[in-house]
Each structure stands twice: as structure tokens, then as C-alpha cells.
Amino acid sequence: MSETPPVPGRVTDVHAHALPTPLLTWLAGRGLADLSGLEEGVVRIDPLVSGIPKGAPIPLSPAQYDVAERLEDMRRMGVTRQLVSVPPFVTCADTVDEGDVLAVVRRGNDALAELLAGHRGVLDPLGYVPLGTPAAPDEARRCLDELGCAGIAIGTRGLGRELDDPVHEPLWELLADRRTFVFLHPNSVPGGPRLADYWLSQLAGFPMETALAVSRLVFGGVLERHDLRLCLAHGGGCLPSLSGRLDLGWSRKPVARTTPLPPSDYLRRLYYDTATFSAPLLRRLVEDFGVDHVLVGTDYPFELADTDPLGTVAALGLGPGDAAASGRGRLTRC
């Protein structure tokens, strides 16, 4: 993967989702989705696929499957390119059957590539790769080489296995060798029933899950062994605020001294999107990791999305060159 040369006026959103109708229809045909609420803008997906409680309504705006509406929204937002991934609700984080996971993921990747096929360069898919299975590298190659995906999206766990599980070593090696842009989005949450109310699974669970998952990448030595081009959703969630604590543990806890460098060194190699929804937090993210490591991300088209990404960047008060670098997304040419 090569870096994107400066292109005046171009803003790339690395964090956008789409949920193609053919995937939903396929799931419904297998009793895994209830589409009766489509007119009300919701869909219900079986917990084995969605990872959320049975019957919980998942927002489904028309922009999830209507490219024309998406393009119009992008125009209003000032976004000229999206890197689009399927939402976490169709990634089977809690499924234990490898065949079921692969079937859903492959169908989702095919449907996403087809949805965006006539708009490449403006709408580019990130192929989703299921974790926990030795088949992950093969699906990554299929997405990149056959479906023409601009990069890869992953969750935070799969088939009960964490990111530092040895089963993932071939995947990390492939993605590092090919310099692939990898977008990490939480697809599960810690805490179980404590997060069942108030949509806390997203509001609090997702940021915590990212911190846990990437901490395992650090202490498990994955980021020492593999130079991954990895971008974290939601500004890295809780992870940036834990940097000092992780370093302290590395220095004082022998069991945590698993790498030659302290955790903060590895965190500075990663990339973070701007979807923090807090100007002070985002400003601190830029200060800690550098403007070249903060990429525009909106979480479009969900209700928890940044609808004014240019305003978000402008509020940071960056110099013209720094603001342009953040908006371009240096890693979005693959």
C-alpha cells in the first residue's frame, strides 16, 4: 500500500458503514433477520449474527443501502471519498460455528462490493475478515485481489479468540507484508448484562472493547512482530487515556514486560479516527499521536455519527497543512 499524494479539496472518511439489502434478504431467508420493521427504519438480527439481545431494533436508515442518498449526504458533509465497511451487527462476533461465520461474512463482502461497484474511487469497500479462524487470510486475499477492496476491516474478536491468539499470526503477516490499510471496529463488548440497558453496549461497551483488544495486541507482541497499518474506530475508544497506565504496568509488573518497548511506543504507530465527538479529546489525540496519525472518520450513517467532519477538524484550530493532512487520510490509498 502506498501513501495518498496530497489532493487539494479531497476529504476521505475512513469510518463509514453500509448494510446491503441482499445480505439482509439472505439472512431473513435463513431465519436470522426480521425485516418487518424496514418501513420504520429498523431491522432485527439474530444474536448469533448481531451480538446484541434478541429482538433489539437496529437502526437502518435508507443510506445504508441507497447509494444515491449516500452520495448526496457526502456532498452536504464535504466528504469526497468513503471507505465503507459492514456494521458490527453482521459480523457474528459471538458465533461459535466457523462455517456459519464464514458464510455470513463472505455473503456480506460480496454484497458490499456489488453495492459500491459503480462508484469506486468515491465509495470503496473494506472487506471484512472474520477473526478466530485459519481461513481469515484466504478471505483477506479474496477481498483484496478478487473483490478489489481498498483495505480490510476487522472486529475485536471472533470464535471466542482474542486478537493475540496464535491463529491470527498468518493474517497479521499477510496484512503487514502487503501494507494493507486495516480498520479495527469493535464487534463485541465486555461486561455482559451490565451493558444491557440504555444502549450502553455502544455508548460505553465499544470504547472499552477497543481498549481491551488493542492492549492484547500490544502485550501479546503482535505490534512488535508485525508493522500493521492499523486504524482504530472511535478515536481508539478508551485506549489513549490508558497509555500512561499501560506503561506503568509494563515498567513495574514483570508479567506485563512482554515487549522490548513500552506500550505507548506501539500506540504511537497506530492511527485513530476523529469520531470522538469531543473537541478537547480530539485535540489531545492529535497532540499525543500527531496529526498524520488522526484520520477523518464519521461512523456514517448511524445516529451516533459526526455529520460535520469538516467542522470537527476546523474546531481543532490546526494550521492549513495539518488540517489538510488529517482530512486526506494518508493511508487511504491501497
Protein backbone atom coordinates (compact mmCIF):
# COMPACT_ATOMS: atom_id res chain seq x y z
CA MET A 1 0.00 0.00 0.00
CA SER A 2 1.28 3.43 -0.90
CA GLU A 3 0.50 6.77 0.64
CA THR A 4 -2.01 9.08 -0.95
CA PRO A 5 -0.36 12.13 -2.52
CA PRO A 6 -1.82 15.48 -1.47
CA VAL A 7 -5.04 16.17 -3.35
CA PRO A 8 -6.48 19.63 -2.73
CA GLY A 9 -10.07 19.60 -1.59
CA ARG A 10 -10.31 15.84 -1.02
CA VAL A 11 -11.62 14.52 2.29
CA THR A 12 -11.63 10.79 2.92
CA ASP A 13 -13.86 9.29 5.59
CA VAL A 14 -12.29 6.04 6.79
CA HIS A 15 -15.21 5.10 9.07
CA ALA A 16 -18.47 4.62 7.19
CA HIS A 17 -20.85 1.67 7.07
CA ALA A 18 -23.30 0.08 4.67
CA LEU A 19 -25.72 -2.80 5.11
CA PRO A 20 -26.71 -4.04 1.64
CA THR A 21 -30.25 -5.28 1.08
CA PRO A 22 -29.18 -8.61 -0.49
CA LEU A 23 -27.34 -9.52 2.71
CA LEU A 24 -30.41 -8.74 4.84
CA THR A 25 -32.65 -10.70 2.49
CA TRP A 26 -30.28 -13.66 2.62
CA LEU A 27 -30.23 -13.55 6.43
CA ALA A 28 -34.02 -13.27 6.57
CA GLY A 29 -34.37 -16.29 4.31
CA ARG A 30 -32.45 -18.31 6.88
CA GLY A 31 -34.46 -17.06 9.82
CA LEU A 32 -31.61 -14.86 11.02
CA ALA A 33 -33.19 -11.45 10.40
CA ASP A 34 -36.61 -9.87 10.80
CA LEU A 35 -37.26 -7.25 8.13
CA SER A 36 -40.80 -6.36 9.19
CA GLY A 37 -39.65 -3.03 10.62
CA LEU A 38 -37.95 -1.70 7.48
CA GLU A 39 -40.61 1.00 6.94
CA GLU A 40 -39.91 2.24 10.46
CA GLY A 41 -36.19 2.26 9.76
CA VAL A 42 -35.18 -0.72 11.91
CA VAL A 43 -34.10 -4.30 11.42
CA ARG A 44 -33.79 -7.12 13.93
CA ILE A 45 -30.96 -9.60 13.52
CA ASP A 46 -30.42 -12.85 15.37
CA PRO A 47 -27.97 -12.52 18.31
CA LEU A 48 -25.72 -15.17 16.74
CA VAL A 49 -25.09 -12.70 13.91
CA SER A 50 -25.59 -9.33 15.60
CA GLY A 51 -24.16 -9.94 19.05
CA ILE A 52 -26.99 -7.94 20.65
CA PRO A 53 -30.06 -9.18 22.56
CA LYS A 54 -32.80 -10.96 20.65
CA GLY A 55 -35.41 -8.60 19.25
CA ALA A 56 -33.38 -5.44 19.79
CA PRO A 57 -34.07 -2.93 16.99
CA ILE A 58 -31.05 -1.94 14.93
CA PRO A 59 -31.33 1.43 13.12
CA LEU A 60 -31.43 1.03 9.35
CA SER A 61 -31.55 4.33 7.51
CA PRO A 62 -32.02 4.20 3.73
CA ALA A 63 -28.45 5.42 3.30
CA GLN A 64 -27.29 2.00 4.49
CA TYR A 65 -28.38 0.53 1.16
CA ASP A 66 -29.24 3.52 -1.09
CA VAL A 67 -26.12 4.76 -2.86
CA ALA A 68 -27.82 7.86 -4.29
CA GLU A 69 -28.80 9.06 -0.81
CA ARG A 70 -25.30 8.31 0.46
CA LEU A 71 -23.68 10.36 -2.27
CA GLU A 72 -25.97 13.30 -1.56
CA ASP A 73 -25.16 13.13 2.14
CA MET A 74 -21.46 13.05 1.34
CA ARG A 75 -21.85 16.17 -0.77
CA ARG A 76 -23.53 18.00 2.11
CA MET A 77 -20.86 16.82 4.55
CA GLY A 78 -17.96 17.79 2.30
CA VAL A 79 -16.68 14.21 2.09
CA THR A 80 -15.28 13.19 -1.30
CA ARG A 81 -14.45 9.56 -0.55
CA GLN A 82 -15.65 6.93 1.90
CA LEU A 83 -14.02 3.70 2.95
CA VAL A 84 -17.10 1.59 3.65
CA SER A 85 -17.34 -1.45 5.92
CA VAL A 86 -20.27 -3.56 7.05
CA PRO A 87 -21.53 -2.65 10.55
CA PRO A 88 -20.61 -4.84 13.52
CA PHE A 89 -24.16 -6.22 13.67
CA VAL A 90 -23.45 -8.65 10.81
CA THR A 91 -20.02 -9.93 11.88
CA CYS A 92 -21.00 -12.91 14.07
CA ALA A 93 -18.74 -11.98 16.99
CA ASP A 94 -20.47 -14.41 19.35
CA THR A 95 -20.99 -17.28 16.91
CA VAL A 96 -19.08 -20.46 17.68
CA ASP A 97 -19.63 -22.25 14.37
CA GLU A 98 -16.84 -21.45 11.91
CA GLY A 99 -18.90 -22.40 8.88
CA ASP A 100 -21.72 -20.05 9.85
CA VAL A 101 -19.29 -17.17 10.37
CA LEU A 102 -17.60 -17.67 7.02
CA ALA A 103 -20.92 -17.95 5.18
CA VAL A 104 -22.27 -14.68 6.60
CA VAL A 105 -19.01 -12.77 6.16
CA ARG A 106 -18.44 -13.90 2.57
CA ARG A 107 -22.02 -13.05 1.64
CA GLY A 108 -21.59 -9.64 3.26
CA ASN A 109 -18.36 -8.91 1.41
CA ASP A 110 -19.89 -9.90 -1.92
CA ALA A 111 -22.96 -7.74 -1.31
CA LEU A 112 -20.90 -4.73 -0.22
CA ALA A 113 -18.60 -4.95 -3.25
CA GLU A 114 -21.62 -5.17 -5.55
CA LEU A 115 -23.39 -2.23 -3.89
CA LEU A 116 -20.40 0.06 -4.42
CA ALA A 117 -19.22 -1.37 -7.75
CA GLY A 118 -20.17 1.60 -9.90
CA HIS A 119 -18.60 4.21 -7.62
CA ARG A 120 -15.05 3.09 -6.90
CA GLY A 121 -12.71 5.92 -6.01
CA VAL A 122 -15.63 7.61 -4.24
CA LEU A 123 -17.11 4.64 -2.40
CA ASP A 124 -14.51 1.96 -1.73
CA PRO A 125 -15.24 -1.19 0.28
CA LEU A 126 -13.19 -2.51 3.15
CA GLY A 127 -13.52 -6.28 3.07
CA TYR A 128 -14.46 -7.76 6.41
CA VAL A 129 -12.25 -10.59 7.66
CA PRO A 130 -13.57 -12.95 10.36
CA LEU A 131 -11.27 -13.50 13.31
CA GLY A 132 -10.64 -16.76 15.11
CA THR A 133 -10.39 -18.92 12.01
CA PRO A 134 -7.41 -20.13 9.95
CA ALA A 135 -9.47 -19.17 6.89
CA ALA A 136 -9.06 -15.44 7.66
CA PRO A 137 -6.02 -14.87 5.37
CA ASP A 138 -7.82 -16.51 2.46
CA GLU A 139 -10.82 -14.21 2.86
CA ALA A 140 -8.48 -11.22 3.11
CA ARG A 141 -6.80 -12.20 -0.17
CA ARG A 142 -10.18 -12.72 -1.83
CA CYS A 143 -11.36 -9.28 -0.73
CA LEU A 144 -8.19 -7.54 -1.90
CA ASP A 145 -7.48 -9.46 -5.10
CA GLU A 146 -10.90 -10.55 -6.38
CA LEU A 147 -13.36 -8.02 -4.96
CA GLY A 148 -11.00 -5.04 -5.32
CA CYS A 149 -11.40 -3.85 -1.75
CA ALA A 150 -9.38 -0.80 -0.69
CA GLY A 151 -8.40 -2.43 2.59
CA ILE A 152 -9.59 -4.74 5.33
CA ALA A 153 -11.93 -4.29 8.29
CA ILE A 154 -11.72 -6.47 11.39
CA GLY A 155 -13.54 -6.75 14.68
CA THR A 156 -12.07 -7.18 18.13
CA ARG A 157 -12.57 -10.92 18.49
CA GLY A 158 -14.13 -13.93 16.82
CA LEU A 159 -14.98 -17.56 17.58
CA GLY A 160 -14.02 -16.89 21.19
CA ARG A 161 -10.46 -15.96 20.26
CA GLU A 162 -8.66 -12.71 21.06
CA LEU A 163 -6.53 -10.65 18.67
CA ASP A 164 -3.28 -12.02 20.09
CA ASP A 165 -4.32 -15.65 19.62
CA PRO A 166 -1.68 -17.54 17.57
CA VAL A 167 -4.34 -18.46 15.00
CA HIS A 168 -4.09 -14.88 13.70
CA GLU A 169 -0.35 -14.81 13.02
CA PRO A 170 -0.73 -15.67 9.29
CA LEU A 171 -3.32 -12.89 8.93
CA TRP A 172 -1.11 -10.27 10.56
CA GLU A 173 1.84 -11.39 8.44
CA LEU A 174 -0.20 -11.06 5.24
CA LEU A 175 -1.60 -7.63 6.11
CA ALA A 176 1.79 -6.30 7.18
CA ASP A 177 3.60 -7.66 4.12
CA ARG A 178 1.03 -6.12 1.77
CA ARG A 179 0.95 -2.82 3.67
CA THR A 180 -2.81 -3.10 3.81
CA PHE A 181 -4.95 -0.44 5.43
CA VAL A 182 -6.75 -2.20 8.31
CA PHE A 183 -9.71 -0.65 10.11
CA LEU A 184 -10.48 -2.07 13.55
CA HIS A 185 -14.05 -1.63 14.76
CA PRO A 186 -15.39 -3.24 17.97
CA ASN A 187 -17.84 -6.03 17.26
CA SER A 188 -18.35 -7.20 20.84
CA VAL A 189 -18.39 -5.72 24.33
CA PRO A 190 -17.11 -6.65 27.78
CA GLY A 191 -19.40 -6.62 30.78
CA GLY A 192 -22.32 -8.81 29.72
CA PRO A 193 -25.68 -7.88 31.30
CA ARG A 194 -24.28 -4.74 32.94
CA LEU A 195 -24.41 -3.11 29.50
CA ALA A 196 -27.88 -4.32 28.59
CA ASP A 197 -29.69 -1.03 29.31
CA TYR A 198 -29.62 2.45 27.77
CA TRP A 199 -27.75 1.24 24.66
CA LEU A 200 -24.63 1.15 26.87
CA SER A 201 -23.23 -1.65 24.73
CA GLN A 202 -22.42 1.02 22.15
CA LEU A 203 -22.09 4.11 24.32
CA ALA A 204 -19.64 2.59 26.82
CA GLY A 205 -19.00 -1.00 25.75
CA PHE A 206 -17.50 -0.32 22.32
CA PRO A 207 -14.83 2.11 23.62
CA MET A 208 -13.87 -0.30 26.38
CA GLU A 209 -13.74 -3.24 23.98
CA THR A 210 -11.30 -1.44 21.69
CA ALA A 211 -9.02 -0.69 24.63
CA LEU A 212 -9.02 -4.32 25.73
CA ALA A 213 -8.47 -5.73 22.27
CA VAL A 214 -5.60 -3.44 21.31
CA SER A 215 -3.97 -3.87 24.72
CA ARG A 216 -3.78 -7.55 23.86
CA LEU A 217 -2.19 -6.69 20.51
CA VAL A 218 0.44 -4.73 22.42
CA PHE A 219 1.20 -7.10 25.30
CA GLY A 220 0.83 -10.13 23.07
CA GLY A 221 3.72 -8.81 20.96
CA VAL A 222 1.68 -8.63 17.75
CA LEU A 223 2.60 -5.00 17.11
CA GLU A 224 6.25 -5.79 17.83
CA ARG A 225 6.30 -8.64 15.29
CA HIS A 226 4.16 -7.01 12.59
CA ASP A 227 4.20 -3.47 11.22
CA LEU A 228 0.45 -3.15 10.75
CA ARG A 229 -1.19 -0.12 9.15
CA LEU A 230 -3.97 -0.20 11.71
CA CYS A 231 -6.60 2.49 12.32
CA LEU A 232 -8.85 2.35 15.38
CA ALA A 233 -12.50 3.38 15.33
CA HIS A 234 -13.95 5.98 17.71
CA GLY A 235 -10.57 7.62 18.28
CA GLY A 236 -9.28 4.40 19.82
CA GLY A 237 -12.06 4.34 22.40
CA CYS A 238 -10.67 4.32 25.94
CA LEU A 239 -7.22 3.24 24.80
CA PRO A 240 -5.48 6.65 24.52
CA SER A 241 -6.40 7.53 28.11
CA LEU A 242 -4.84 4.27 29.31
CA SER A 243 -1.45 4.87 27.72
CA GLY A 244 0.24 6.00 30.95
CA ARG A 245 -1.29 3.20 32.98
CA LEU A 246 -0.20 0.58 30.46
CA ASP A 247 3.33 1.98 30.51
CA LEU A 248 3.38 1.89 34.30
CA GLY A 249 2.28 -1.73 34.31
CA TRP A 250 4.94 -2.58 31.74
CA SER A 251 7.63 -0.99 33.93
CA ARG A 252 6.53 -2.44 37.29
CA LYS A 253 4.74 -5.73 36.56
CA PRO A 254 7.08 -8.48 35.35
CA VAL A 255 4.17 -10.36 33.78
CA ALA A 256 3.44 -7.30 31.62
CA ARG A 257 7.04 -6.82 30.44
CA THR A 258 6.39 -8.76 27.26
CA THR A 259 7.85 -6.35 24.71
CA PRO A 260 11.17 -4.52 24.34
CA LEU A 261 9.40 -1.14 24.23
CA PRO A 262 6.70 0.34 26.49
CA PRO A 263 3.11 0.18 25.21
CA SER A 264 2.95 3.89 24.34
CA ASP A 265 5.61 3.35 21.67
CA TYR A 266 3.34 0.89 19.87
CA LEU A 267 0.25 3.08 20.31
CA ARG A 268 2.07 5.91 18.53
CA ARG A 269 2.46 3.66 15.49
CA LEU A 270 -1.30 3.26 15.15
CA TYR A 271 -3.90 5.51 13.52
CA TYR A 272 -7.06 6.88 15.08
CA ASP A 273 -10.23 8.24 13.52
CA THR A 274 -11.81 11.54 14.54
CA ALA A 275 -15.09 10.02 15.81
CA THR A 276 -14.54 11.06 19.44
CA PHE A 277 -17.43 13.58 19.47
CA SER A 278 -15.43 15.84 21.78
CA ALA A 279 -13.19 18.66 20.60
CA PRO A 280 -10.93 18.52 23.72
CA LEU A 281 -10.48 14.76 23.40
CA LEU A 282 -9.75 15.00 19.69
CA ARG A 283 -7.29 17.83 20.24
CA ARG A 284 -5.47 15.70 22.81
CA LEU A 285 -5.44 12.78 20.36
CA VAL A 286 -3.67 14.98 17.81
CA GLU A 287 -1.22 16.22 20.45
CA ASP A 288 -0.37 12.71 21.63
CA PHE A 289 -0.16 10.87 18.32
CA GLY A 290 0.38 13.55 15.69
CA VAL A 291 -1.92 14.92 13.03
CA ASP A 292 -0.63 12.39 10.48
CA HIS A 293 -2.00 9.61 12.69
CA VAL A 294 -5.51 11.02 13.04
CA LEU A 295 -7.83 10.33 10.10
CA VAL A 296 -11.32 11.62 9.44
CA GLY A 297 -13.97 9.11 10.48
CA THR A 298 -17.69 9.78 10.90
CA ASP A 299 -19.48 6.47 11.68
CA TYR A 300 -21.94 7.39 8.92
CA PRO A 301 -24.86 6.72 8.54
CA PHE A 302 -25.73 5.73 12.12
CA GLU A 303 -27.38 8.17 14.51
CA LEU A 304 -24.14 8.25 16.53
CA ALA A 305 -22.25 9.85 13.65
CA ASP A 306 -20.35 13.04 13.00
CA THR A 307 -22.45 14.88 10.42
CA ASP A 308 -19.99 17.78 10.11
CA PRO A 309 -16.49 16.28 9.85
CA LEU A 310 -15.02 19.42 8.29
CA GLY A 311 -16.33 21.44 11.21
CA THR A 312 -14.84 18.91 13.59
CA VAL A 313 -11.40 19.35 12.08
CA ALA A 314 -11.80 23.14 11.88
CA ALA A 315 -12.63 23.29 15.60
CA LEU A 316 -9.17 21.94 16.39
CA GLY A 317 -7.59 25.15 15.13
CA LEU A 318 -4.93 23.31 13.13
CA GLY A 319 -2.72 25.05 10.63
CA PRO A 320 -3.77 24.67 6.97
CA GLY A 321 -1.23 21.94 6.25
CA ASP A 322 -2.13 19.92 9.32
CA ALA A 323 -5.85 20.20 8.67
CA ALA A 324 -5.37 19.04 5.09
CA ALA A 325 -3.29 16.06 6.23
CA SER A 326 -5.98 14.95 8.67
CA GLY A 327 -8.71 15.32 6.07
CA ARG A 328 -6.91 13.42 3.34
CA GLY A 329 -6.20 10.34 5.37
CA ARG A 330 -2.61 9.48 4.45
CA LEU A 331 -3.31 5.75 4.45
CA THR A 332 -6.38 5.59 2.30
CA ARG A 333 -4.77 4.64 -0.99
CA CYS A 334 -4.28 0.89 -1.08
